[in-house]
Amino acid sequence: MSETSTLARVTVRLKRAILDPQGRAVQGTLHRLGHDAVEGLRVGKVIEFTLPGTPEEVRAQVDAIAADVLANPVMEDVEVTLEPVPASEGETGA
């Protein structure tokens, strides 16, 4: 089967104006371990999934999923990347 699927990668991070306690904790640990040059560390999450269709065909659906389920738009910023993959590679299951 040569049908195209799209790998969606949704990155969710707290907005810059919102305190990131997890990021501060990780940065503090890195400093204690001698990595003093690390500054401005923020922690987020990456969610990956596949959908059938080309990136152009699934863009609106992925944006809706990100806004409605994966992130809180009041507190979090969302970045979506889409890349085509052969359908056989998208059938890894969960």
Protein backbone atom coordinates (compact mmCIF):
# COMPACT_ATOMS: atom_id res chain seq x y z
CA MET A 1 0.00 0.00 0.00
CA SER A 2 1.49 3.39 -0.98
CA GLU A 3 -0.98 5.63 0.85
CA THR A 4 0.64 8.46 2.79
CA SER A 5 0.30 9.04 6.50
CA THR A 6 1.49 12.05 8.46
CA LEU A 7 3.49 12.03 11.65
CA ALA A 8 2.27 14.85 13.88
CA ARG A 9 4.61 16.12 16.57
CA VAL A 10 2.96 18.48 19.04
CA THR A 11 5.24 20.28 21.50
CA VAL A 12 3.54 21.89 24.50
CA ARG A 13 5.31 24.30 26.87
CA LEU A 14 4.19 26.72 29.53
CA LYS A 15 4.02 30.28 28.24
CA ARG A 16 7.12 32.34 29.08
CA ALA A 17 5.08 34.55 31.42
CA ILE A 18 4.14 31.55 33.58
CA LEU A 19 6.51 30.19 36.21
CA ASP A 20 7.89 26.75 35.28
CA PRO A 21 8.67 25.05 38.61
CA GLN A 22 9.75 21.81 36.94
CA GLY A 23 12.15 23.71 34.68
CA ARG A 24 13.58 25.59 37.67
CA ALA A 25 14.07 22.30 39.55
CA VAL A 26 15.89 20.67 36.63
CA GLN A 27 18.05 23.74 36.12
CA GLY A 28 18.90 23.79 39.83
CA THR A 29 19.93 20.13 39.67
CA LEU A 30 22.11 20.79 36.63
CA HIS A 31 23.80 23.68 38.44
CA ARG A 32 24.47 21.45 41.46
CA LEU A 33 26.06 18.93 39.11
CA GLY A 34 28.42 21.57 37.75
CA HIS A 35 26.56 22.60 34.60
CA ASP A 36 26.49 26.27 35.61
CA ALA A 37 26.19 27.63 32.07
CA VAL A 38 22.62 26.29 31.66
CA GLU A 39 20.10 29.16 31.86
CA GLY A 40 16.45 29.63 31.01
CA LEU A 41 15.60 25.92 31.11
CA ARG A 42 11.93 25.16 30.39
CA VAL A 43 10.27 21.75 30.54
CA GLY A 44 7.55 20.73 28.12
CA LYS A 45 6.05 17.65 26.56
CA VAL A 46 6.09 16.18 23.08
CA ILE A 47 3.16 14.15 21.80
CA GLU A 48 3.52 12.18 18.55
CA PHE A 49 0.83 10.40 16.56
CA THR A 50 0.03 9.54 12.96
CA LEU A 51 -3.01 10.30 10.86
CA PRO A 52 -3.82 9.10 7.35
CA GLY A 53 -3.34 11.76 4.69
CA THR A 54 -0.81 14.37 3.68
CA PRO A 55 0.36 17.13 6.04
CA GLU A 56 -1.83 19.60 4.16
CA GLU A 57 -4.87 17.34 4.57
CA VAL A 58 -4.45 16.79 8.33
CA ARG A 59 -3.21 20.26 9.45
CA ALA A 60 -6.61 21.53 10.65
CA GLN A 61 -7.38 18.29 12.50
CA VAL A 62 -4.01 18.28 14.30
CA ASP A 63 -4.40 21.95 15.24
CA ALA A 64 -7.86 21.19 16.68
CA ILE A 65 -6.57 18.17 18.64
CA ALA A 66 -3.73 20.26 20.05
CA ALA A 67 -6.00 23.14 21.07
CA ASP A 68 -8.89 21.04 22.38
CA VAL A 69 -7.11 18.17 24.14
CA LEU A 70 -3.33 18.35 24.33
CA ALA A 71 -2.81 21.87 25.64
CA ASN A 72 -4.41 24.60 27.69
CA PRO A 73 -4.16 27.63 25.38
CA VAL A 74 -4.47 30.01 28.33
CA MET A 75 -1.29 28.70 29.97
CA GLU A 76 0.60 26.81 27.27
CA ASP A 77 2.15 27.46 23.88
CA VAL A 78 1.83 24.80 21.18
CA GLU A 79 4.14 24.04 18.26
CA VAL A 80 2.99 21.58 15.60
CA THR A 81 5.25 19.93 13.06
CA LEU A 82 4.01 17.54 10.40
CA GLU A 83 5.99 15.19 8.20
CA PRO A 84 4.81 12.62 5.67
CA VAL A 85 5.67 8.99 6.34
CA PRO A 86 4.79 5.83 4.43
CA ALA A 87 1.61 4.30 5.87
CA SER A 88 3.46 1.11 6.86
CA GLU A 89 5.75 3.13 9.18
CA GLY A 90 2.76 4.80 10.87
CA GLU A 91 1.27 1.46 11.97
CA THR A 92 3.43 0.90 15.04
CA GLY A 93 0.55 0.78 17.53
CA ALA A 94 0.64 1.89 21.14
